[in-house]
């Protein structure tokens, strides 16, 4: 029984870093560039965020302030969700 518990604990310690491999976070920033063709946006933090294939880019353009919820996988920031905080054309008249 002790051997089983020791083996289980050893396996858990080896696999523990795998759980932390994908890190979730969020950032509030302003969009600098939208590239719907390549499914990505660049924020004013200088970082690129990649969107899933079914991502809706409606209303996203340079100057829009957003909160991006993302997961970092293999060094890439992958968007999980995005909220528009402030639109640059809000309240302007044509």
C-alpha atoms as a PDB file:
ATOM      1  CA  UNK A   1       0.000   0.000   0.000  1.00  0.00           C
ATOM      2  CA  UNK A   2       2.849   2.410   0.810  1.00  0.00           C
ATOM      3  CA  UNK A   3       4.400   1.714  -2.569  1.00  0.00           C
ATOM      4  CA  UNK A   4       1.086   2.533  -4.288  1.00  0.00           C
ATOM      5  CA  UNK A   5       0.727   5.845  -2.416  1.00  0.00           C
ATOM      6  CA  UNK A   6       4.364   6.774  -3.112  1.00  0.00           C
ATOM      7  CA  UNK A   7       3.905   5.969  -6.805  1.00  0.00           C
ATOM      8  CA  UNK A   8       0.700   8.013  -6.933  1.00  0.00           C
ATOM      9  CA  UNK A   9       2.376  11.024  -5.293  1.00  0.00           C
ATOM     10  CA  UNK A  10       5.357  10.768  -7.648  1.00  0.00           C
ATOM     11  CA  UNK A  11       3.066  10.667 -10.681  1.00  0.00           C
ATOM     12  CA  UNK A  12       1.090  13.654  -9.387  1.00  0.00           C
ATOM     13  CA  UNK A  13       4.247  15.722  -8.910  1.00  0.00           C
ATOM     14  CA  UNK A  14       5.435  14.904 -12.432  1.00  0.00           C
ATOM     15  CA  UNK A  15       2.067  15.791 -13.999  1.00  0.00           C
ATOM     16  CA  UNK A  16       1.489  18.953 -11.924  1.00  0.00           C
ATOM     17  CA  UNK A  17       3.444  21.245 -14.296  1.00  0.00           C
ATOM     18  CA  UNK A  18       1.258  20.100 -17.197  1.00  0.00           C
ATOM     19  CA  UNK A  19      -1.783  21.626 -15.495  1.00  0.00           C
ATOM     20  CA  UNK A  20      -0.079  25.028 -15.323  1.00  0.00           C
ATOM     21  CA  UNK A  21       0.973  24.879 -18.981  1.00  0.00           C
ATOM     22  CA  UNK A  22      -2.073  26.829 -20.227  1.00  0.00           C
ATOM     23  CA  UNK A  23      -2.402  30.024 -18.232  1.00  0.00           C
ATOM     24  CA  UNK A  24      -5.612  32.090 -18.292  1.00  0.00           C
ATOM     25  CA  UNK A  25      -5.562  35.842 -17.853  1.00  0.00           C
ATOM     26  CA  UNK A  26      -7.234  39.044 -18.976  1.00  0.00           C
ATOM     27  CA  UNK A  27      -6.046  42.419 -20.201  1.00  0.00           C
ATOM     28  CA  UNK A  28      -7.773  45.779 -20.683  1.00  0.00           C
ATOM     29  CA  UNK A  29      -6.286  47.705 -23.596  1.00  0.00           C
ATOM     30  CA  UNK A  30      -7.019  49.520 -26.842  1.00  0.00           C
ATOM     31  CA  UNK A  31      -7.001  47.756 -30.198  1.00  0.00           C
ATOM     32  CA  UNK A  32      -4.228  48.884 -32.540  1.00  0.00           C
ATOM     33  CA  UNK A  33      -4.901  46.498 -35.417  1.00  0.00           C
ATOM     34  CA  UNK A  34      -7.561  43.974 -36.423  1.00  0.00           C
ATOM     35  CA  UNK A  35      -6.660  41.196 -38.854  1.00  0.00           C
ATOM     36  CA  UNK A  36      -9.865  39.203 -39.368  1.00  0.00           C
ATOM     37  CA  UNK A  37      -8.309  37.268 -42.256  1.00  0.00           C
ATOM     38  CA  UNK A  38      -5.588  35.865 -39.973  1.00  0.00           C
ATOM     39  CA  UNK A  39      -7.908  35.734 -36.930  1.00  0.00           C
ATOM     40  CA  UNK A  40      -5.902  38.084 -34.732  1.00  0.00           C
ATOM     41  CA  UNK A  41      -5.877  41.472 -33.065  1.00  0.00           C
ATOM     42  CA  UNK A  42      -2.979  43.551 -31.790  1.00  0.00           C
ATOM     43  CA  UNK A  43      -3.499  45.640 -28.666  1.00  0.00           C
ATOM     44  CA  UNK A  44      -1.643  48.737 -27.514  1.00  0.00           C
ATOM     45  CA  UNK A  45       0.382  46.496 -25.192  1.00  0.00           C
ATOM     46  CA  UNK A  46       2.153  45.414 -28.403  1.00  0.00           C
ATOM     47  CA  UNK A  47       0.995  41.824 -28.119  1.00  0.00           C
ATOM     48  CA  UNK A  48      -0.967  39.779 -30.632  1.00  0.00           C
ATOM     49  CA  UNK A  49      -4.057  37.820 -29.583  1.00  0.00           C
ATOM     50  CA  UNK A  50      -5.352  34.957 -31.737  1.00  0.00           C
ATOM     51  CA  UNK A  51      -9.070  34.286 -32.181  1.00  0.00           C
ATOM     52  CA  UNK A  52     -10.887  30.985 -32.751  1.00  0.00           C
ATOM     53  CA  UNK A  53     -12.378  30.320 -36.214  1.00  0.00           C
ATOM     54  CA  UNK A  54     -15.926  31.233 -35.134  1.00  0.00           C
ATOM     55  CA  UNK A  55     -14.870  34.567 -33.544  1.00  0.00           C
ATOM     56  CA  UNK A  56     -17.085  37.585 -34.357  1.00  0.00           C
ATOM     57  CA  UNK A  57     -15.004  40.657 -35.266  1.00  0.00           C
ATOM     58  CA  UNK A  58     -18.090  42.906 -35.545  1.00  0.00           C
ATOM     59  CA  UNK A  59     -17.451  46.295 -33.937  1.00  0.00           C
ATOM     60  CA  UNK A  60     -13.737  45.703 -33.504  1.00  0.00           C
ATOM     61  CA  UNK A  61     -11.423  48.281 -35.043  1.00  0.00           C
ATOM     62  CA  UNK A  62      -8.387  50.348 -34.109  1.00  0.00           C
ATOM     63  CA  UNK A  63      -9.136  52.668 -31.185  1.00  0.00           C
ATOM     64  CA  UNK A  64     -11.736  50.445 -29.505  1.00  0.00           C
ATOM     65  CA  UNK A  65     -10.995  49.781 -25.835  1.00  0.00           C
ATOM     66  CA  UNK A  66     -11.580  46.133 -24.889  1.00  0.00           C
ATOM     67  CA  UNK A  67     -11.103  43.584 -22.162  1.00  0.00           C
ATOM     68  CA  UNK A  68      -9.642  40.395 -23.608  1.00  0.00           C
ATOM     69  CA  UNK A  69      -9.913  37.140 -21.687  1.00  0.00           C
ATOM     70  CA  UNK A  70      -7.309  34.761 -23.044  1.00  0.00           C
ATOM     71  CA  UNK A  71      -5.368  31.580 -22.416  1.00  0.00           C
ATOM     72  CA  UNK A  72      -1.670  31.396 -23.178  1.00  0.00           C
ATOM     73  CA  UNK A  73      -0.853  28.149 -24.979  1.00  0.00           C
ATOM     74  CA  UNK A  74       2.573  27.418 -26.441  1.00  0.00           C
ATOM     75  CA  UNK A  75       3.489  31.100 -26.149  1.00  0.00           C
ATOM     76  CA  UNK A  76       0.387  32.253 -28.087  1.00  0.00           C
ATOM     77  CA  UNK A  77      -2.408  34.266 -26.491  1.00  0.00           C
ATOM     78  CA  UNK A  78      -5.695  32.646 -27.569  1.00  0.00           C
ATOM     79  CA  UNK A  79      -8.868  34.694 -27.036  1.00  0.00           C
ATOM     80  CA  UNK A  80     -11.537  33.021 -24.900  1.00  0.00           C
ATOM     81  CA  UNK A  81     -13.826  36.051 -24.698  1.00  0.00           C
ATOM     82  CA  UNK A  82     -13.751  39.771 -25.442  1.00  0.00           C
ATOM     83  CA  UNK A  83     -15.803  42.668 -24.064  1.00  0.00           C
ATOM     84  CA  UNK A  84     -15.940  46.125 -25.643  1.00  0.00           C
ATOM     85  CA  UNK A  85     -15.370  48.767 -22.964  1.00  0.00           C
ATOM     86  CA  UNK A  86     -15.481  51.879 -25.130  1.00  0.00           C
ATOM     87  CA  UNK A  87     -15.913  52.411 -28.850  1.00  0.00           C
ATOM     88  CA  UNK A  88     -13.819  55.233 -30.377  1.00  0.00           C
ATOM     89  CA  UNK A  89     -16.751  56.506 -32.482  1.00  0.00           C
ATOM     90  CA  UNK A  90     -19.182  56.493 -29.554  1.00  0.00           C
ATOM     91  CA  UNK A  91     -21.169  59.727 -29.475  1.00  0.00           C
ATOM     92  CA  UNK A  92     -19.648  61.169 -32.677  1.00  0.00           C
ATOM     93  CA  UNK A  93     -21.893  62.415 -35.419  1.00  0.00           C
ATOM     94  CA  UNK A  94     -21.185  62.066 -39.117  1.00  0.00           C
END
